[in-house]
């Protein structure tokens, strides 16, 4: 049980909430304590509900935090969350029908959702009560009669609440009239509209394939890693390492996970060396990392306006058609590394109607900056404006991004130049 709310200190507003006490009683009951997975499932989604973070109780997030699935796993092919949700709903029904029959509050997980809801249980009719007696007002004990001053205070509070309610009602009526007069709903912000335009092909339909850098190395982390020779016979058998990727790529996958979760969408995550093109050719593709460390990216035609170059002394992005004021090469400083560059490209996919998004930095920091850039509504809006795309439309393009590197973290990614196709 390494992923649930039982292993970290709860905020006081959660631990002191009577709903959390109910969650714990159910999790400790005979119905759940024999199933560690259902126990963890309930604690996780219960905490999400009390904290008010519905975005953390999606199928993808539950799979990651409760069932140890990798970020971006394909939940359409892995039904573990849905299966356990059905079992948990049955266990909850059994609990409130038996051991929890006396609970004043009921916890339910509606079908089609994973976030619990709490509701007060209606008072039950005792066998010795008649229907009329059950609804009769209870006698008021003398000590429950409030002093006149308290009654007056309560009355004034009621008038205050009533006045506030009237004000809110008037404002809602005014808003409704404005919407009726204009004849159309209020438009979403330009930044959000830009995100829908840019990410629309990847967020709808079949989950895209996210392919991250997974180069082949020789050596080890203790004695040093270096890229493997291009020919397999140049290094001893068993000397290769294929289990590493950059910290920027890891941060980029996390950022994409948050983005897709926020839109209730999914993607399939693959390391580059495991990609099979019979599968990849049918999907929208998102490449994270440079061609040098992302072998599957080398299968596709290279970008035409901006390409990466490297030598023992330097690395840079070649600008094949420089415009006035643009350098022929965007080079990063070697020591200290204070800035980095990345190619950001949106290209036609392998099959008609599909797209390929490339986020490829000179270093792992540039890659992370490129994914950060396209995951932020404000910078995506700037990108679409710079490309002069009509509203709701998107076309292939190639761009160069520059980012500042401070303390080993890329900050402030910005658009340097762009070419539309």
Protein backbone atom coordinates (compact mmCIF):
# COMPACT_ATOMS: atom_id res chain seq x y z
CA UNK A 1 0.00 0.00 0.00
CA UNK A 2 2.57 2.51 -1.13
CA UNK A 3 0.37 4.88 -3.06
CA UNK A 4 -2.51 5.84 -0.83
CA UNK A 5 -3.35 8.56 1.63
CA UNK A 6 -2.45 6.32 4.55
CA UNK A 7 1.26 6.93 4.11
CA UNK A 8 1.40 10.71 4.24
CA UNK A 9 0.15 13.18 6.75
CA UNK A 10 -3.33 14.41 6.00
CA UNK A 11 -4.09 18.15 6.03
CA UNK A 12 -6.12 18.99 9.14
CA UNK A 13 -9.20 19.87 7.11
CA UNK A 14 -9.16 16.31 5.71
CA UNK A 15 -8.25 14.33 8.83
CA UNK A 16 -10.84 16.23 10.91
CA UNK A 17 -13.61 15.82 8.35
CA UNK A 18 -16.35 13.36 9.41
CA UNK A 19 -16.39 12.08 5.84
CA UNK A 20 -12.77 10.96 6.22
CA UNK A 21 -13.71 9.10 9.40
CA UNK A 22 -16.45 7.33 7.42
CA UNK A 23 -13.98 6.41 4.66
CA UNK A 24 -11.65 4.91 7.26
CA UNK A 25 -14.44 2.92 8.92
CA UNK A 26 -15.40 1.41 5.59
CA UNK A 27 -11.79 0.69 4.62
CA UNK A 28 -11.23 -1.06 7.98
CA UNK A 29 -14.44 -3.06 7.80
CA UNK A 30 -14.76 -6.78 7.19
CA UNK A 31 -15.82 -6.01 3.63
CA UNK A 32 -12.57 -4.31 2.56
CA UNK A 33 -9.76 -5.10 4.96
CA UNK A 34 -9.02 -8.41 3.25
CA UNK A 35 -8.51 -6.69 -0.13
CA UNK A 36 -5.49 -4.37 -0.12
CA UNK A 37 -6.28 -3.00 -3.59
CA UNK A 38 -9.91 -2.08 -2.79
CA UNK A 39 -8.75 -0.64 0.55
CA UNK A 40 -6.21 1.61 -1.23
CA UNK A 41 -8.71 2.46 -3.98
CA UNK A 42 -11.26 3.74 -1.46
CA UNK A 43 -8.74 5.74 0.56
CA UNK A 44 -7.33 7.39 -2.56
CA UNK A 45 -10.61 8.45 -4.15
CA UNK A 46 -12.06 9.37 -0.75
CA UNK A 47 -9.21 11.77 -0.12
CA UNK A 48 -9.62 13.24 -3.62
CA UNK A 49 -13.31 13.90 -2.94
CA UNK A 50 -12.70 15.61 0.41
CA UNK A 51 -9.83 17.68 -0.97
CA UNK A 52 -11.99 18.68 -3.95
CA UNK A 53 -9.51 17.52 -6.62
CA UNK A 54 -11.72 15.64 -9.07
CA UNK A 55 -8.96 15.82 -11.72
CA UNK A 56 -6.87 13.45 -9.57
CA UNK A 57 -9.58 10.79 -9.46
CA UNK A 58 -9.59 9.93 -13.17
CA UNK A 59 -9.10 6.37 -14.39
CA UNK A 60 -5.57 7.25 -15.53
CA UNK A 61 -4.55 8.76 -12.18
CA UNK A 62 -6.08 5.91 -10.15
CA UNK A 63 -4.20 3.41 -12.30
CA UNK A 64 -0.94 5.24 -11.63
CA UNK A 65 -1.34 5.95 -7.91
CA UNK A 66 -3.21 2.85 -6.75
CA UNK A 67 -2.29 0.10 -9.22
CA UNK A 68 1.31 1.14 -10.04
CA UNK A 69 0.67 1.66 -13.74
CA UNK A 70 3.16 3.77 -15.71
CA UNK A 71 2.14 7.37 -16.58
CA UNK A 72 0.29 7.45 -19.88
CA UNK A 73 -0.61 3.74 -19.85
CA UNK A 74 -3.44 2.73 -22.17
CA UNK A 75 -6.44 2.32 -19.89
CA UNK A 76 -8.64 1.32 -22.83
CA UNK A 77 -6.62 -1.91 -23.02
CA UNK A 78 -6.05 -2.23 -19.26
CA UNK A 79 -9.36 -2.50 -17.38
CA UNK A 80 -7.96 -2.92 -13.87
CA UNK A 81 -9.47 0.35 -12.57
CA UNK A 82 -12.92 -0.31 -14.04
CA UNK A 83 -12.92 -3.88 -12.73
CA UNK A 84 -12.01 -2.85 -9.19
CA UNK A 85 -14.49 0.04 -9.30
CA UNK A 86 -17.32 -2.44 -9.92
CA UNK A 87 -16.14 -4.57 -7.01
CA UNK A 88 -15.83 -1.54 -4.75
CA UNK A 89 -19.39 -0.39 -5.54
CA UNK A 90 -20.68 -3.84 -4.55
CA UNK A 91 -18.64 -3.83 -1.34
CA UNK A 92 -19.99 -0.39 -0.44
CA UNK A 93 -23.56 -1.59 -0.96
CA UNK A 94 -22.87 -4.64 1.23
CA UNK A 95 -21.32 -2.48 3.96
CA UNK A 96 -24.26 -0.07 4.24
CA UNK A 97 -26.73 -2.97 4.14
CA UNK A 98 -24.98 -4.76 7.00
CA UNK A 99 -22.10 -3.56 9.13
CA UNK A 100 -22.71 0.10 8.29
CA UNK A 101 -26.50 0.05 8.56
CA UNK A 102 -26.34 2.51 11.44
CA UNK A 103 -24.21 5.10 9.65
CA UNK A 104 -25.74 8.58 9.44
CA UNK A 105 -23.93 9.22 6.15
CA UNK A 106 -23.72 7.11 3.00
CA UNK A 107 -20.76 6.97 0.58
CA UNK A 108 -21.46 6.07 -3.04
CA UNK A 109 -19.40 5.92 -6.25
CA UNK A 110 -21.80 6.65 -9.14
CA UNK A 111 -21.48 4.44 -12.20
CA UNK A 112 -19.33 6.03 -14.88
CA UNK A 113 -17.38 8.02 -12.27
CA UNK A 114 -14.71 7.31 -9.69
CA UNK A 115 -15.12 10.29 -7.34
CA UNK A 116 -17.24 9.34 -4.28
CA UNK A 117 -20.29 11.32 -3.22
CA UNK A 118 -21.47 11.61 0.36
CA UNK A 119 -25.11 12.03 1.34
CA UNK A 120 -27.00 12.03 4.60
CA UNK A 121 -29.03 8.93 5.23
CA UNK A 122 -32.76 9.56 5.67
CA UNK A 123 -33.96 8.74 9.22
CA UNK A 124 -35.34 5.22 9.34
CA UNK A 125 -38.79 4.46 10.74
CA UNK A 126 -38.67 2.41 13.93
CA UNK A 127 -40.97 -0.62 14.16
CA UNK A 128 -42.75 0.88 17.20
CA UNK A 129 -43.54 4.13 15.38
CA UNK A 130 -46.59 4.70 13.28
CA UNK A 131 -46.21 6.83 10.10
CA UNK A 132 -48.08 9.70 11.75
CA UNK A 133 -45.95 9.54 14.88
CA UNK A 134 -42.77 9.39 12.83
CA UNK A 135 -43.55 12.75 11.23
CA UNK A 136 -44.93 14.45 14.32
CA UNK A 137 -42.78 17.22 15.80
CA UNK A 138 -40.72 16.11 18.79
CA UNK A 139 -41.40 17.84 22.13
CA UNK A 140 -39.01 20.69 22.80
CA UNK A 141 -37.16 20.45 26.10
CA UNK A 142 -37.11 23.64 28.20
CA UNK A 143 -33.34 24.01 27.90
CA UNK A 144 -33.67 24.14 24.09
CA UNK A 145 -35.76 27.33 24.17
CA UNK A 146 -33.46 30.17 23.06
CA UNK A 147 -33.44 33.54 24.87
CA UNK A 148 -35.19 36.41 23.09
CA UNK A 149 -31.87 38.08 22.20
CA UNK A 150 -30.66 34.92 20.48
CA UNK A 151 -33.93 34.67 18.56
CA UNK A 152 -33.57 38.27 17.43
CA UNK A 153 -29.96 37.63 16.34
CA UNK A 154 -31.02 34.54 14.42
CA UNK A 155 -33.85 36.49 12.81
CA UNK A 156 -31.52 39.25 11.66
CA UNK A 157 -29.17 36.64 10.21
CA UNK A 158 -32.09 35.18 8.28
CA UNK A 159 -32.93 38.61 6.86
CA UNK A 160 -29.28 39.12 5.90
CA UNK A 161 -29.19 35.75 4.10
CA UNK A 162 -32.48 36.56 2.40
CA UNK A 163 -31.15 39.93 1.21
CA UNK A 164 -27.97 38.35 -0.09
CA UNK A 165 -30.01 35.75 -1.94
CA UNK A 166 -32.10 38.46 -3.59
CA UNK A 167 -28.95 40.26 -4.76
CA UNK A 168 -27.55 37.06 -6.26
CA UNK A 169 -30.87 36.35 -7.96
CA UNK A 170 -30.94 39.83 -9.50
CA UNK A 171 -27.39 39.42 -10.82
CA UNK A 172 -28.24 36.04 -12.33
CA UNK A 173 -31.31 37.51 -14.00
CA UNK A 174 -29.23 40.35 -15.41
CA UNK A 175 -26.68 37.88 -16.75
CA UNK A 176 -29.40 35.76 -18.28
CA UNK A 177 -30.93 38.79 -19.94
CA UNK A 178 -27.56 39.77 -21.39
CA UNK A 179 -27.07 36.29 -22.83
CA UNK A 180 -30.60 36.32 -24.25
CA UNK A 181 -30.05 39.78 -25.76
CA UNK A 182 -26.80 38.84 -27.48
CA UNK A 183 -28.25 35.53 -28.63
CA UNK A 184 -25.07 33.54 -27.95
CA UNK A 185 -23.17 32.23 -24.94
CA UNK A 186 -20.03 33.88 -23.64
CA UNK A 187 -17.00 32.77 -25.62
CA UNK A 188 -14.16 30.93 -24.00
CA UNK A 189 -10.88 32.78 -23.57
CA UNK A 190 -8.63 33.04 -26.66
CA UNK A 191 -5.91 31.06 -24.84
CA UNK A 192 -8.25 28.12 -24.15
CA UNK A 193 -9.55 28.26 -27.72
CA UNK A 194 -5.96 28.09 -28.96
CA UNK A 195 -5.35 24.96 -26.86
CA UNK A 196 -8.45 23.30 -28.33
CA UNK A 197 -7.26 24.17 -31.85
CA UNK A 198 -3.70 22.96 -31.37
CA UNK A 199 -4.37 19.83 -29.30
CA UNK A 200 -7.74 18.87 -30.80
CA UNK A 201 -6.39 16.13 -33.13
CA UNK A 202 -4.45 14.51 -30.27
CA UNK A 203 -7.15 14.72 -27.60
CA UNK A 204 -9.98 13.18 -29.64
CA UNK A 205 -10.33 9.80 -31.25
CA UNK A 206 -7.77 7.05 -30.81
CA UNK A 207 -5.15 7.77 -28.11
CA UNK A 208 -1.93 9.13 -29.66
CA UNK A 209 1.41 7.39 -29.28
CA UNK A 210 3.94 9.34 -27.18
CA UNK A 211 7.48 8.19 -28.02
CA UNK A 212 10.28 9.33 -25.72
CA UNK A 213 14.05 9.20 -26.11
CA UNK A 214 15.57 5.82 -25.41
CA UNK A 215 19.07 5.70 -26.90
CA UNK A 216 21.40 2.75 -26.74
CA UNK A 217 24.40 3.33 -24.45
CA UNK A 218 27.56 1.48 -23.55
CA UNK A 219 29.04 1.58 -20.08
CA UNK A 220 27.17 2.17 -16.84
CA UNK A 221 26.10 4.99 -14.55
CA UNK A 222 29.06 4.42 -12.22
CA UNK A 223 31.89 4.40 -14.75
CA UNK A 224 30.18 6.61 -17.34
CA UNK A 225 27.74 6.21 -20.22
CA UNK A 226 28.35 7.01 -23.87
CA UNK A 227 26.35 6.41 -27.03
CA UNK A 228 26.69 2.91 -28.43
CA UNK A 229 28.54 2.46 -31.74
CA UNK A 230 26.37 2.53 -34.83
CA UNK A 231 27.30 -1.09 -35.60
CA UNK A 232 26.38 -3.75 -33.06
CA UNK A 233 29.62 -5.68 -33.55
CA UNK A 234 31.73 -2.81 -32.23
CA UNK A 235 30.95 -3.54 -28.58
CA UNK A 236 30.94 -6.80 -26.59
CA UNK A 237 27.67 -8.65 -26.31
CA UNK A 238 25.70 -7.72 -23.20
CA UNK A 239 27.55 -4.41 -22.86
CA UNK A 240 24.63 -2.29 -24.01
CA UNK A 241 22.29 -0.31 -21.76
CA UNK A 242 18.83 0.77 -22.94
CA UNK A 243 17.16 1.80 -19.65
CA UNK A 244 17.98 5.51 -19.55
CA UNK A 245 16.28 8.69 -20.70
CA UNK A 246 16.77 12.35 -19.83
CA UNK A 247 15.29 14.14 -16.83
CA UNK A 248 13.67 16.58 -19.23
CA UNK A 249 11.91 13.75 -21.03
CA UNK A 250 10.56 12.46 -17.71
CA UNK A 251 9.28 15.94 -16.79
CA UNK A 252 7.77 16.29 -20.27
CA UNK A 253 5.81 13.02 -19.94
CA UNK A 254 4.50 14.20 -16.58
CA UNK A 255 3.40 17.52 -18.12
CA UNK A 256 1.59 15.72 -20.94
CA UNK A 257 -0.10 13.43 -18.43
CA UNK A 258 -1.51 16.45 -16.58
CA UNK A 259 -2.65 18.00 -19.86
CA UNK A 260 -4.41 14.86 -21.11
CA UNK A 261 -5.98 14.15 -17.70
CA UNK A 262 -7.39 17.68 -17.60
CA UNK A 263 -9.16 16.95 -20.92
CA UNK A 264 -10.23 13.41 -19.88
CA UNK A 265 -8.09 11.99 -22.68
CA UNK A 266 -5.42 9.29 -22.83
CA UNK A 267 -2.20 8.51 -24.65
CA UNK A 268 0.00 5.45 -25.09
CA UNK A 269 3.58 5.81 -23.85
CA UNK A 270 6.41 3.98 -25.61
CA UNK A 271 10.16 4.21 -25.34
CA UNK A 272 11.70 4.67 -28.74
CA UNK A 273 13.45 1.31 -28.98
CA UNK A 274 10.15 -0.56 -28.45
CA UNK A 275 8.09 1.20 -31.14
CA UNK A 276 6.63 -1.01 -33.85
CA UNK A 277 5.71 0.92 -36.97
CA UNK A 278 2.74 -1.26 -37.88
CA UNK A 279 1.14 0.24 -34.75
CA UNK A 280 2.65 3.73 -34.97
CA UNK A 281 1.66 4.32 -38.59
CA UNK A 282 -2.04 4.29 -37.68
CA UNK A 283 -1.86 6.86 -34.88
CA UNK A 284 -1.12 10.48 -34.14
CA UNK A 285 2.45 10.63 -32.84
CA UNK A 286 4.21 12.83 -30.29
CA UNK A 287 8.02 12.57 -30.22
CA UNK A 288 9.89 13.72 -27.11
CA UNK A 289 13.66 14.07 -27.48
CA UNK A 290 16.27 14.65 -30.18
CA UNK A 291 16.88 12.36 -33.17
CA UNK A 292 20.23 11.38 -31.66
CA UNK A 293 18.49 9.75 -28.69
CA UNK A 294 15.16 8.84 -30.29
CA UNK A 295 15.95 6.15 -32.90
CA UNK A 296 12.36 5.77 -34.11
CA UNK A 297 12.35 9.45 -35.12
CA UNK A 298 15.12 8.68 -37.61
CA UNK A 299 12.70 6.50 -39.59
CA UNK A 300 10.71 9.60 -40.58
CA UNK A 301 11.85 12.26 -43.08
CA UNK A 302 13.83 15.03 -41.38
CA UNK A 303 12.45 18.51 -40.89
CA UNK A 304 13.26 20.77 -43.85
CA UNK A 305 13.62 24.28 -42.42
CA UNK A 306 15.50 23.50 -39.19
CA UNK A 307 17.70 20.48 -38.48
CA UNK A 308 20.06 19.58 -35.67
CA UNK A 309 23.79 19.32 -36.10
CA UNK A 310 26.42 18.16 -33.67
CA UNK A 311 30.16 17.80 -33.52
CA UNK A 312 32.66 16.94 -30.80
CA UNK A 313 32.90 20.65 -30.00
CA UNK A 314 29.37 22.02 -30.35
CA UNK A 315 25.73 21.37 -31.12
CA UNK A 316 23.20 23.59 -32.78
CA UNK A 317 20.11 23.95 -34.98
CA UNK A 318 20.80 24.79 -38.62
CA UNK A 319 18.54 27.45 -40.13
CA UNK A 320 18.40 26.37 -43.79
CA UNK A 321 16.56 29.47 -45.02
CA UNK A 322 17.60 32.34 -42.72
CA UNK A 323 15.57 35.51 -42.98
CA UNK A 324 17.09 38.97 -42.48
CA UNK A 325 18.43 39.23 -38.93
CA UNK A 326 18.35 35.45 -38.33
CA UNK A 327 21.57 33.46 -37.71
CA UNK A 328 22.40 30.46 -39.91
CA UNK A 329 22.88 28.33 -36.78
CA UNK A 330 21.34 28.53 -33.31
CA UNK A 331 24.11 27.32 -31.00
CA UNK A 332 23.97 26.82 -27.26
CA UNK A 333 26.89 27.61 -24.97
CA UNK A 334 28.76 24.55 -23.77
CA UNK A 335 29.96 25.66 -20.32
CA UNK A 336 28.13 26.81 -18.38
CA UNK A 337 24.86 25.77 -20.00
CA UNK A 338 22.71 28.90 -19.60
CA UNK A 339 20.38 28.47 -22.56
CA UNK A 340 19.18 25.76 -24.91
CA UNK A 341 17.31 25.50 -28.20
CA UNK A 342 14.65 23.12 -29.46
CA UNK A 343 12.85 22.30 -32.68
CA UNK A 344 9.07 22.33 -32.34
CA UNK A 345 7.34 20.91 -35.41
CA UNK A 346 3.85 19.82 -36.40
CA UNK A 347 3.95 17.64 -39.51
CA UNK A 348 1.54 15.43 -41.47
CA UNK A 349 1.30 11.91 -40.10
CA UNK A 350 2.19 8.62 -41.74
CA UNK A 351 -1.44 8.11 -42.74
CA UNK A 352 -3.75 10.81 -44.15
CA UNK A 353 -5.56 12.72 -41.42
CA UNK A 354 -2.89 11.96 -38.80
CA UNK A 355 -0.38 14.35 -37.23
CA UNK A 356 3.17 14.19 -35.87
CA UNK A 357 4.27 16.58 -33.11
CA UNK A 358 8.03 16.83 -32.53
CA UNK A 359 9.50 18.36 -29.34
CA UNK A 360 13.23 17.97 -29.83
CA UNK A 361 15.83 19.87 -27.79
CA UNK A 362 19.56 20.08 -28.25
CA UNK A 363 19.71 18.79 -24.68
CA UNK A 364 17.15 17.29 -22.34
CA UNK A 365 16.38 20.82 -21.05
CA UNK A 366 15.37 22.06 -24.50
CA UNK A 367 13.06 19.05 -24.91
CA UNK A 368 11.36 19.77 -21.60
CA UNK A 369 11.00 23.46 -22.53
CA UNK A 370 9.34 22.56 -25.86
CA UNK A 371 6.71 20.40 -24.15
CA UNK A 372 6.15 23.10 -21.51
CA UNK A 373 5.67 25.62 -24.33
CA UNK A 374 2.92 23.66 -26.08
CA UNK A 375 1.26 22.73 -22.76
CA UNK A 376 0.63 26.33 -21.69
CA UNK A 377 -2.46 28.13 -23.06
CA UNK A 378 -0.73 31.53 -23.20
CA UNK A 379 2.27 30.35 -25.22
CA UNK A 380 0.14 28.20 -27.53
CA UNK A 381 -1.96 31.28 -28.28
CA UNK A 382 1.22 33.21 -29.17
CA UNK A 383 2.31 30.33 -31.40
CA UNK A 384 -0.96 30.29 -33.37
CA UNK A 385 -0.94 34.07 -33.72
CA UNK A 386 2.65 33.99 -35.01
CA UNK A 387 1.65 31.34 -37.54
CA UNK A 388 -1.35 33.42 -38.67
CA UNK A 389 -3.62 30.42 -38.48
CA UNK A 390 -7.32 31.19 -38.98
CA UNK A 391 -9.58 30.50 -36.02
CA UNK A 392 -10.02 26.78 -35.46
CA UNK A 393 -7.48 25.77 -38.13
CA UNK A 394 -4.00 24.30 -37.89
CA UNK A 395 -1.34 23.68 -40.57
CA UNK A 396 2.08 22.05 -40.58
CA UNK A 397 4.91 24.23 -39.27
CA UNK A 398 8.45 24.15 -37.96
CA UNK A 399 9.72 26.48 -35.23
CA UNK A 400 12.79 27.14 -33.10
CA UNK A 401 12.40 27.77 -29.37
CA UNK A 402 14.94 29.24 -26.97
CA UNK A 403 14.90 28.64 -23.23
CA UNK A 404 16.95 29.93 -20.33
CA UNK A 405 18.53 27.23 -18.14
CA UNK A 406 18.92 28.19 -14.48
CA UNK A 407 19.82 25.78 -11.68
CA UNK A 408 19.42 22.83 -14.02
CA UNK A 409 15.84 23.82 -14.89
CA UNK A 410 14.56 25.29 -18.20
CA UNK A 411 12.54 28.48 -17.69
CA UNK A 412 10.80 31.00 -19.94
CA UNK A 413 10.69 29.10 -23.26
CA UNK A 414 10.07 31.55 -26.09
CA UNK A 415 9.45 31.41 -29.81
CA UNK A 416 12.48 32.50 -31.87
CA UNK A 417 11.36 31.87 -35.44
CA UNK A 418 8.69 29.91 -37.30
CA UNK A 419 7.96 28.59 -40.80
CA UNK A 420 4.52 27.43 -41.93
CA UNK A 421 4.07 24.85 -44.68
